Amino acid sequence: MTTTIQRPDNEAAASPDDSATASSHFIAEKSASRLTAAVAIGLALFGSGAAGLMNQVIWQRSLKVWLGGSESICSMVVVLVFMAGLGLGSLAMSKRARKLRSPLWTFGWIEAALVAVNIGICFLLSADISHSVFAVAKVAVAAGVPLLLLYGLAATVILAIPCLLMGMTMPLAAETCQRDLGIQNSRVIGLLLFVNTLGSVLGTIFSSGTMLPILGQSKSLLLAAGLNGLAAILLFALYRFRRQSLPTPCPRIQAETTNPRGWRPNFEEKLALGLGFCSLGYEMYLFRLIPLRHEPLPFTFAAVLAGFLDFCCFGA
């Protein structure tokens, strides 16, 4: 004899409509979490970009004492060291970002390291060492060392570490969005660069027009370091939130196989090199031309830099 067991109503199987509703709620919640994380990363990049260009404008003003008081030489050396540091930092991190267990956690520590380094540079540039600088310059001239080389080495020693750290932020942000958030759309790189450059434009304008005249050099540098600190706090908070909601850590991706072409650049890389050379050369041309055509005002460097970055921002 066959016995039929009836399932209680509260244990009845879920209907297809209930399953579809639960699935849609899960997808919506996951999309909202991903959007929140992307916005947080964008805000961190915005603050980091603003802090970076605030530092660059203030460094250009402050290092005139170190670089012989020349506006054009100071602008050239600061831009050279800044862009070289960004490029080398980005190159170094782009090779390691795929091997990191959590690029988001590393991104937060990079911003925290920028706080400490920039505070140290603030105290260094606040010291009155003009007599020592001129004494070193006299010794270099007597020894036949070109002053431009001396100025470049001095600026490189002071600015190399923060510029390298700034260059590491963009590869980490891109790796976080692609691996941790699962955003595979190639447009995300352009959007990240847009947000970062937009913060740089506003930081350039704000530092030259408001911060330096009102707050002075030291407080302006500390305010820029504070923006890096806020970015670090935001990234650590995002890491903790995602770790609680997604307890399984993101797997590290194995290193790619060795590129058979080695160090030989392809056509796109050669084109990027040429465009970068032309764009930075034109920027330096504007740095020299505008003070000759107009009065060399203190905010000339910031005005040219903001205009240059403005077009880069919308081009991204």
Protein backbone atom coordinates (compact mmCIF):
# COMPACT_ATOMS: atom_id res chain seq x y z
CA MET A 1 0.00 0.00 0.00
CA THR A 2 1.35 3.43 -0.95
CA THR A 3 1.31 6.13 1.69
CA THR A 4 1.18 9.75 0.59
CA ILE A 5 2.86 12.23 2.89
CA GLN A 6 1.68 15.78 2.50
CA ARG A 7 4.22 18.61 3.07
CA PRO A 8 3.10 21.30 5.49
CA ASP A 9 2.24 24.66 4.00
CA ASN A 10 5.21 26.43 5.66
CA GLU A 11 7.60 23.84 4.17
CA ALA A 12 6.10 23.91 0.72
CA ALA A 13 8.52 24.34 -2.15
CA ALA A 14 9.08 27.91 -3.27
CA SER A 15 7.22 28.88 -6.40
CA PRO A 16 9.12 29.99 -9.53
CA ASP A 17 7.92 33.54 -8.93
CA ASP A 18 9.47 33.57 -5.44
CA SER A 19 12.78 32.27 -6.80
CA ALA A 20 12.82 34.90 -9.52
CA THR A 21 12.05 37.64 -6.98
CA ALA A 22 14.82 36.48 -4.65
CA SER A 23 17.26 36.31 -7.55
CA SER A 24 16.35 39.81 -8.72
CA HIS A 25 16.76 41.16 -5.17
CA PHE A 26 20.20 39.52 -4.92
CA ILE A 27 21.30 40.96 -8.26
CA ALA A 28 20.02 44.43 -7.30
CA GLU A 29 21.79 44.27 -3.92
CA LYS A 30 25.03 43.14 -5.57
CA SER A 31 24.81 45.91 -8.17
CA ALA A 32 24.16 48.52 -5.47
CA SER A 33 27.17 47.26 -3.47
CA ARG A 34 29.35 47.38 -6.57
CA LEU A 35 28.17 50.89 -7.41
CA THR A 36 28.87 52.08 -3.85
CA ALA A 37 32.37 50.62 -3.97
CA ALA A 38 33.04 52.21 -7.38
CA VAL A 39 31.91 55.61 -6.09
CA ALA A 40 34.16 55.25 -3.03
CA ILE A 41 37.15 54.42 -5.21
CA GLY A 42 36.31 57.39 -7.44
CA LEU A 43 36.19 59.72 -4.44
CA ALA A 44 39.53 58.38 -3.21
CA LEU A 45 41.08 58.98 -6.64
CA PHE A 46 39.56 62.46 -6.77
CA GLY A 47 41.07 63.38 -3.41
CA SER A 48 44.39 61.76 -4.27
CA GLY A 49 44.61 63.66 -7.57
CA ALA A 50 43.75 66.96 -5.88
CA ALA A 51 46.39 66.37 -3.20
CA GLY A 52 49.02 65.44 -5.78
CA LEU A 53 48.65 68.63 -7.81
CA MET A 54 48.36 70.76 -4.68
CA ASN A 55 51.73 69.37 -3.73
CA GLN A 56 53.17 70.01 -7.18
CA VAL A 57 52.11 73.69 -7.18
CA ILE A 58 53.43 74.22 -3.65
CA TRP A 59 56.66 72.37 -4.46
CA GLN A 60 57.20 74.65 -7.44
CA ARG A 61 56.92 77.70 -5.18
CA SER A 62 58.99 76.27 -2.36
CA LEU A 63 61.80 74.75 -4.40
CA LYS A 64 62.70 78.07 -6.00
CA VAL A 65 65.02 78.53 -3.03
CA TRP A 66 66.61 75.15 -3.74
CA LEU A 67 66.76 75.74 -7.50
CA GLY A 68 68.49 79.09 -7.57
CA GLY A 69 65.37 81.27 -7.62
CA SER A 70 64.70 80.64 -11.33
CA GLU A 71 61.00 80.35 -12.23
CA SER A 72 61.57 78.54 -15.54
CA ILE A 73 64.18 76.09 -14.22
CA CYS A 74 62.04 75.36 -11.18
CA SER A 75 58.96 74.66 -13.31
CA MET A 76 60.92 72.43 -15.68
CA VAL A 77 62.61 70.39 -12.96
CA VAL A 78 59.47 69.93 -10.86
CA VAL A 79 57.39 68.83 -13.86
CA LEU A 80 60.17 66.50 -15.03
CA VAL A 81 60.58 64.79 -11.67
CA PHE A 82 56.82 64.65 -11.11
CA MET A 83 56.00 63.04 -14.47
CA ALA A 84 58.99 60.67 -14.33
CA GLY A 85 57.92 59.52 -10.87
CA LEU A 86 54.33 58.96 -12.02
CA GLY A 87 55.50 56.92 -14.99
CA LEU A 88 57.98 54.78 -13.10
CA GLY A 89 55.57 54.21 -10.21
CA SER A 90 52.81 53.18 -12.58
CA LEU A 91 55.16 50.85 -14.46
CA ALA A 92 56.39 49.21 -11.27
CA MET A 93 52.91 48.66 -9.82
CA SER A 94 51.35 47.51 -13.08
CA LYS A 95 53.69 44.50 -13.01
CA ARG A 96 52.80 43.59 -9.41
CA ALA A 97 49.13 44.54 -9.13
CA ARG A 98 47.90 41.22 -10.55
CA LYS A 99 49.93 39.29 -7.95
CA LEU A 100 48.58 41.20 -4.94
CA ARG A 101 46.13 39.44 -2.67
CA SER A 102 44.11 42.63 -2.23
CA PRO A 103 44.89 45.66 -4.43
CA LEU A 104 42.30 47.66 -2.47
CA TRP A 105 44.20 47.11 0.80
CA THR A 106 47.48 48.06 -0.90
CA PHE A 107 45.85 51.16 -2.37
CA GLY A 108 44.90 52.29 1.13
CA TRP A 109 48.44 51.78 2.42
CA ILE A 110 49.89 53.76 -0.51
CA GLU A 111 47.66 56.72 0.43
CA ALA A 112 48.68 56.35 4.09
CA ALA A 113 52.35 56.33 3.07
CA LEU A 114 51.78 59.53 1.08
CA VAL A 115 50.51 61.19 4.27
CA ALA A 116 53.73 60.39 6.14
CA VAL A 117 56.05 61.30 3.26
CA ASN A 118 54.32 64.60 2.49
CA ILE A 119 54.37 65.64 6.14
CA GLY A 120 58.13 64.99 6.15
CA ILE A 121 58.58 67.10 3.00
CA CYS A 122 56.50 69.84 4.61
CA PHE A 123 58.91 70.12 7.54
CA LEU A 124 61.92 69.90 5.22
CA LEU A 125 60.75 72.73 2.94
CA SER A 126 59.78 74.86 5.95
CA ALA A 127 63.38 74.96 7.17
CA ASP A 128 65.41 78.06 6.38
CA ILE A 129 68.31 76.62 4.40
CA SER A 130 68.78 79.26 1.72
CA HIS A 131 72.33 80.06 2.87
CA SER A 132 73.29 76.38 2.77
CA VAL A 133 71.80 75.98 -0.71
CA PHE A 134 73.74 78.92 -2.11
CA ALA A 135 76.91 77.67 -0.43
CA VAL A 136 76.50 74.27 -2.10
CA ALA A 137 75.86 76.00 -5.44
CA LYS A 138 79.12 77.94 -5.12
CA VAL A 139 81.04 74.75 -4.41
CA ALA A 140 79.41 73.05 -7.41
CA VAL A 141 80.32 75.93 -9.74
CA ALA A 142 83.91 75.90 -8.48
CA ALA A 143 84.08 72.15 -9.12
CA GLY A 144 82.67 72.55 -12.65
CA VAL A 145 79.37 70.78 -11.92
CA PRO A 146 76.49 72.21 -14.01
CA LEU A 147 73.94 73.93 -11.79
CA LEU A 148 71.03 72.48 -13.75
CA LEU A 149 72.29 68.98 -12.96
CA LEU A 150 72.69 69.92 -9.30
CA TYR A 151 69.18 71.37 -9.15
CA GLY A 152 67.72 68.32 -10.84
CA LEU A 153 69.42 65.93 -8.44
CA ALA A 154 68.28 67.97 -5.42
CA ALA A 155 64.66 67.99 -6.61
CA THR A 156 64.81 64.29 -7.45
CA VAL A 157 66.06 63.38 -3.97
CA ILE A 158 63.25 65.40 -2.34
CA LEU A 159 60.34 64.47 -4.62
CA ALA A 160 61.17 60.98 -5.90
CA ILE A 161 59.40 58.95 -3.21
CA PRO A 162 56.04 60.83 -3.20
CA CYS A 163 55.94 60.92 -7.00
CA LEU A 164 56.59 57.18 -7.24
CA LEU A 165 53.82 56.51 -4.71
CA MET A 166 51.40 58.74 -6.63
CA GLY A 167 52.13 56.80 -9.81
CA MET A 168 51.15 53.53 -8.12
CA THR A 169 47.59 54.64 -7.34
CA MET A 170 46.06 54.36 -10.82
CA PRO A 171 47.11 50.72 -11.53
CA LEU A 172 45.84 49.73 -8.08
CA ALA A 173 42.51 51.47 -8.66
CA ALA A 174 42.10 49.81 -12.05
CA GLU A 175 42.98 46.36 -10.65
CA THR A 176 40.55 46.85 -7.77
CA CYS A 177 37.69 47.72 -10.11
CA GLN A 178 38.39 44.87 -12.49
CA ARG A 179 39.16 42.10 -10.00
CA ASP A 180 37.41 42.98 -6.72
CA LEU A 181 34.33 44.60 -8.28
CA GLY A 182 34.20 42.48 -11.43
CA ILE A 183 33.94 45.51 -13.73
CA GLN A 184 35.36 44.30 -17.04
CA ASN A 185 34.24 47.24 -19.17
CA SER A 186 37.32 48.86 -20.71
CA ARG A 187 35.75 52.30 -20.25
CA VAL A 188 36.42 52.08 -16.52
CA ILE A 189 40.07 53.06 -17.06
CA GLY A 190 39.04 56.23 -18.85
CA LEU A 191 36.51 57.07 -16.15
CA LEU A 192 39.07 56.55 -13.39
CA LEU A 193 41.56 58.77 -15.21
CA PHE A 194 38.85 61.41 -15.72
CA VAL A 195 37.97 61.52 -12.02
CA ASN A 196 41.62 61.59 -10.96
CA THR A 197 42.51 64.35 -13.43
CA LEU A 198 39.43 66.38 -12.53
CA GLY A 199 40.58 66.37 -8.92
CA SER A 200 44.02 67.44 -10.12
CA VAL A 201 42.56 70.42 -12.02
CA LEU A 202 40.56 71.61 -9.02
CA GLY A 203 43.51 71.04 -6.70
CA THR A 204 45.75 73.14 -8.95
CA ILE A 205 43.30 76.05 -9.05
CA PHE A 206 42.44 75.89 -5.35
CA SER A 207 46.04 75.66 -4.16
CA SER A 208 47.27 78.60 -6.19
CA GLY A 209 44.27 80.90 -5.83
CA THR A 210 43.18 80.23 -2.26
CA MET A 211 45.40 77.96 -0.19
CA LEU A 212 48.80 79.60 -0.61
CA PRO A 213 47.62 83.23 -0.22
CA ILE A 214 45.48 82.44 2.83
CA LEU A 215 47.04 79.42 4.55
CA GLY A 216 50.66 79.67 3.50
CA GLN A 217 53.06 76.92 2.46
CA SER A 218 53.15 74.67 5.52
CA LYS A 219 49.42 74.59 6.22
CA SER A 220 48.69 74.04 2.54
CA LEU A 221 50.99 71.02 2.44
CA LEU A 222 49.39 69.63 5.59
CA LEU A 223 45.94 70.12 4.05
CA ALA A 224 47.04 68.18 0.97
CA ALA A 225 48.37 65.41 3.22
CA GLY A 226 44.98 65.44 4.96
CA LEU A 227 43.28 64.67 1.63
CA ASN A 228 45.54 61.64 1.23
CA GLY A 229 44.59 60.63 4.76
CA LEU A 230 40.87 60.88 3.96
CA ALA A 231 41.41 58.77 0.85
CA ALA A 232 43.23 56.14 2.94
CA ILE A 233 40.43 56.04 5.53
CA LEU A 234 37.82 55.66 2.78
CA LEU A 235 39.71 52.81 1.13
CA PHE A 236 40.30 50.95 4.41
CA ALA A 237 36.60 51.33 5.30
CA LEU A 238 35.63 49.98 1.88
CA TYR A 239 38.02 47.04 2.31
CA ARG A 240 36.53 46.18 5.70
CA PHE A 241 32.97 46.44 4.37
CA ARG A 242 33.66 44.19 1.40
CA ARG A 243 35.56 41.71 3.55
CA GLN A 244 32.54 41.35 5.82
CA SER A 245 30.09 41.02 2.94
CA LEU A 246 32.44 38.83 0.87
CA PRO A 247 34.48 36.81 3.40
CA THR A 248 36.30 34.80 0.74
CA PRO A 249 39.44 36.74 -0.26
CA CYS A 250 39.97 37.59 -3.88
CA PRO A 251 42.37 35.10 -5.45
CA ARG A 252 45.66 36.28 -6.74
CA ILE A 253 46.09 36.02 -10.46
CA GLN A 254 49.10 34.16 -11.70
CA ALA A 255 51.68 36.16 -13.57
CA GLU A 256 51.25 36.19 -17.31
CA THR A 257 53.65 34.34 -19.51
CA THR A 258 56.71 36.20 -20.67
CA ASN A 259 56.05 38.47 -23.60
CA PRO A 260 57.93 37.01 -26.57
CA ARG A 261 58.74 40.46 -27.97
CA GLY A 262 60.68 41.35 -24.79
CA TRP A 263 61.38 45.04 -24.40
CA ARG A 264 60.52 45.94 -27.98
CA PRO A 265 57.65 48.46 -27.92
CA ASN A 266 54.72 47.99 -30.26
CA PHE A 267 53.20 50.70 -32.44
CA GLU A 268 50.76 51.90 -29.78
CA GLU A 269 53.52 52.25 -27.18
CA LYS A 270 55.72 54.16 -29.63
CA LEU A 271 52.80 56.44 -30.44
CA ALA A 272 52.11 57.04 -26.74
CA LEU A 273 55.77 57.89 -26.19
CA GLY A 274 55.72 60.40 -29.02
CA LEU A 275 52.48 62.00 -27.87
CA GLY A 276 53.78 62.28 -24.32
CA PHE A 277 57.00 63.89 -25.55
CA CYS A 278 55.10 66.43 -27.65
CA SER A 279 52.54 67.26 -24.96
CA LEU A 280 55.10 67.80 -22.19
CA GLY A 281 57.33 69.74 -24.57
CA TYR A 282 54.43 72.02 -25.45
CA GLU A 283 53.62 72.47 -21.77
CA MET A 284 57.19 73.57 -21.04
CA TYR A 285 57.02 75.91 -24.02
CA LEU A 286 53.95 77.54 -22.48
CA PHE A 287 55.74 77.83 -19.12
CA ARG A 288 58.46 79.87 -20.83
CA LEU A 289 56.26 81.81 -23.25
CA ILE A 290 53.52 83.13 -20.97
CA PRO A 291 55.84 84.87 -18.46
CA LEU A 292 57.58 86.55 -21.41
CA ARG A 293 54.32 87.72 -22.94
CA HIS A 294 52.68 88.68 -19.64
CA GLU A 295 53.92 89.64 -16.22
CA PRO A 296 55.45 86.58 -14.47
CA LEU A 297 52.87 86.33 -11.70
CA PRO A 298 53.02 83.69 -8.93
CA PHE A 299 50.06 81.76 -10.31
CA THR A 300 51.41 81.49 -13.89
CA PHE A 301 52.64 77.94 -13.29
CA ALA A 302 49.31 76.86 -11.82
CA ALA A 303 47.31 78.48 -14.64
CA VAL A 304 49.27 76.70 -17.37
CA LEU A 305 49.15 73.42 -15.48
CA ALA A 306 45.39 73.66 -14.89
CA GLY A 307 44.71 74.40 -18.55
CA PHE A 308 46.90 71.51 -19.65
CA LEU A 309 45.22 69.07 -17.27
CA ASP A 310 41.77 70.35 -18.20
CA PHE A 311 42.12 69.09 -21.76
CA CYS A 312 43.63 65.81 -20.52
CA CYS A 313 40.63 65.40 -18.22
CA PHE A 314 38.00 65.69 -20.94
CA GLY A 315 40.12 63.74 -23.39
CA ALA A 316 40.04 60.80 -20.98
